[in-house]
Protein backbone atom coordinates (compact mmCIF):
# COMPACT_ATOMS: atom_id res chain seq x y z
CA UNK A 1 0.00 0.00 0.00
CA UNK A 2 2.50 2.55 -1.08
CA UNK A 3 1.18 6.05 -1.38
CA UNK A 4 2.05 8.29 -4.21
CA UNK A 5 3.55 11.67 -3.50
CA UNK A 6 0.93 13.20 -5.77
CA UNK A 7 -1.44 15.55 -3.94
CA UNK A 8 -4.33 14.09 -5.88
CA UNK A 9 -4.07 10.93 -3.75
CA UNK A 10 -5.03 12.86 -0.62
CA UNK A 11 -8.65 12.51 -1.62
CA UNK A 12 -8.39 8.86 -0.49
CA UNK A 13 -7.92 9.95 3.16
CA UNK A 14 -10.95 11.97 4.21
CA UNK A 15 -10.36 14.53 6.98
CA UNK A 16 -6.72 15.06 6.08
CA UNK A 17 -5.87 18.23 4.29
CA UNK A 18 -2.66 19.91 3.47
CA UNK A 19 -2.13 23.09 5.42
CA UNK A 20 -1.08 24.78 2.18
CA UNK A 21 -4.25 24.00 0.26
CA UNK A 22 -6.81 26.73 -0.22
CA UNK A 23 -9.80 26.86 2.07
CA UNK A 24 -12.37 24.38 1.01
CA UNK A 25 -15.66 23.39 2.45
CA UNK A 26 -18.91 25.14 3.08
CA UNK A 27 -19.21 28.46 4.83
CA UNK A 28 -21.07 26.73 7.65
CA UNK A 29 -18.07 24.52 8.37
CA UNK A 30 -15.72 27.49 8.46
CA UNK A 31 -17.92 29.43 10.88
CA UNK A 32 -18.38 26.36 13.04
CA UNK A 33 -14.61 26.02 13.39
CA UNK A 34 -14.04 29.71 14.06
CA UNK A 35 -16.87 30.19 16.57
CA UNK A 36 -16.02 27.88 19.48
CA UNK A 37 -12.29 27.95 18.79
CA UNK A 38 -12.32 31.73 18.66
CA UNK A 39 -14.32 32.00 21.91
CA UNK A 40 -12.11 29.49 23.69
CA UNK A 41 -9.04 31.35 22.52
CA UNK A 42 -10.48 34.66 23.68
CA UNK A 43 -11.32 33.28 27.13
CA UNK A 44 -7.87 31.76 27.40
CA UNK A 45 -6.29 35.07 26.43
CA UNK A 46 -8.43 36.93 29.00
CA UNK A 47 -7.39 34.48 31.73
CA UNK A 48 -3.78 34.84 30.68
CA UNK A 49 -4.08 38.63 30.74
CA UNK A 50 -5.60 38.48 34.24
CA UNK A 51 -2.80 36.23 35.45
CA UNK A 52 -0.19 38.55 33.96
CA UNK A 53 -1.85 41.57 35.62
CA UNK A 54 -1.78 39.78 38.98
CA UNK A 55 1.86 38.83 38.48
CA UNK A 56 2.76 42.44 37.63
CA UNK A 57 0.97 43.72 40.73
CA UNK A 58 2.71 41.12 42.91
CA UNK A 59 6.10 42.04 41.43
CA UNK A 60 5.42 45.70 42.15
CA UNK A 61 4.44 44.90 45.75
CA UNK A 62 7.53 42.75 46.24
CA UNK A 63 9.78 45.47 44.84
CA UNK A 64 8.30 48.00 47.27
CA UNK A 65 8.76 45.57 50.15
CA UNK A 66 12.33 44.88 49.04
CA UNK A 67 13.08 48.61 48.94
CA UNK A 68 11.63 49.11 52.43
CA UNK A 69 13.61 46.17 53.81
CA UNK A 70 16.79 47.45 52.18
CA UNK A 71 16.29 50.88 53.81
CA UNK A 72 15.65 49.25 57.18
CA UNK A 73 18.77 47.09 56.83
CA UNK A 74 20.88 50.11 55.89
CA UNK A 75 19.55 52.02 58.91
CA UNK A 76 20.38 49.11 61.19
CA UNK A 77 23.86 48.84 59.72
CA UNK A 78 24.44 52.57 60.23
CA UNK A 79 23.27 52.23 63.83
CA UNK A 80 25.72 49.41 64.47
CA UNK A 81 28.55 51.33 62.84
CA UNK A 82 27.86 54.43 64.95
CA UNK A 83 28.36 52.57 68.23
CA UNK A 84 30.28 49.32 67.60
CA UNK A 85 31.10 48.74 71.30
CA UNK A 86 27.59 49.34 72.62
CA UNK A 87 24.97 46.71 73.29
CA UNK A 88 21.51 47.11 71.86
CA UNK A 89 18.73 46.46 74.36
CA UNK A 90 15.20 45.63 73.28
CA UNK A 91 12.34 45.71 75.77
CA UNK A 92 9.15 43.69 75.45
CA UNK A 93 7.11 46.10 77.58
CA UNK A 94 5.55 49.25 76.27
CA UNK A 95 7.29 52.52 77.21
CA UNK A 96 4.52 53.40 79.70
CA UNK A 97 4.76 50.04 81.47
CA UNK A 98 8.53 50.31 81.60
CA UNK A 99 8.34 53.85 83.00
CA UNK A 100 5.93 52.72 85.76
CA UNK A 101 8.23 49.84 86.75
CA UNK A 102 11.27 52.11 86.84
CA UNK A 103 9.44 54.70 88.93
CA UNK A 104 8.38 52.03 91.43
CA UNK A 105 11.99 50.81 91.70
CA UNK A 106 13.21 54.37 92.19
CA UNK A 107 10.60 54.93 94.91
CA UNK A 108 11.70 51.72 96.64
CA UNK A 109 15.35 52.73 96.51
CA UNK A 110 14.47 56.19 97.86
CA UNK A 111 12.55 54.61 100.75
CA UNK A 112 15.50 52.34 101.58
CA UNK A 113 17.90 55.28 101.50
CA UNK A 114 15.58 57.34 103.75
CA UNK A 115 15.22 54.40 106.15
CA UNK A 116 18.99 53.97 106.28
CA UNK A 117 19.49 57.70 106.80
CA UNK A 118 16.88 57.70 109.59
CA UNK A 119 18.66 54.74 111.23
CA UNK A 120 22.06 56.42 111.13
CA UNK A 121 20.61 59.64 112.58
CA UNK A 122 19.22 57.78 115.60
CA UNK A 123 22.56 56.05 116.17
CA UNK A 124 24.41 59.38 116.07
CA UNK A 125 22.12 60.94 118.65
């Protein structure tokens, strides 16, 4: 069953056409092929466009975050360079809570000093 290389023999195999042949067939067949294929292609392109838009927005957000993190890192590095021998202390309490604790410790120390001073005054007398 050798096939001839003549294009006329393609009529033996229905459904197979050369991509270089002119358009053949009824107008109804051409519109049937274009309709669903065209709509599917359009929907696919719209989904692709939406995905690209989301990717562009995410890239923009990540670039902004990267810039902010770079600035923060540079500020931290400058802070370390300004005082290389110092120790950085970070408190978990809020400034108001910390202030109240410190004031209570100061009051306690003042009371102890006053009590000691009152005790030494009675011994001197």
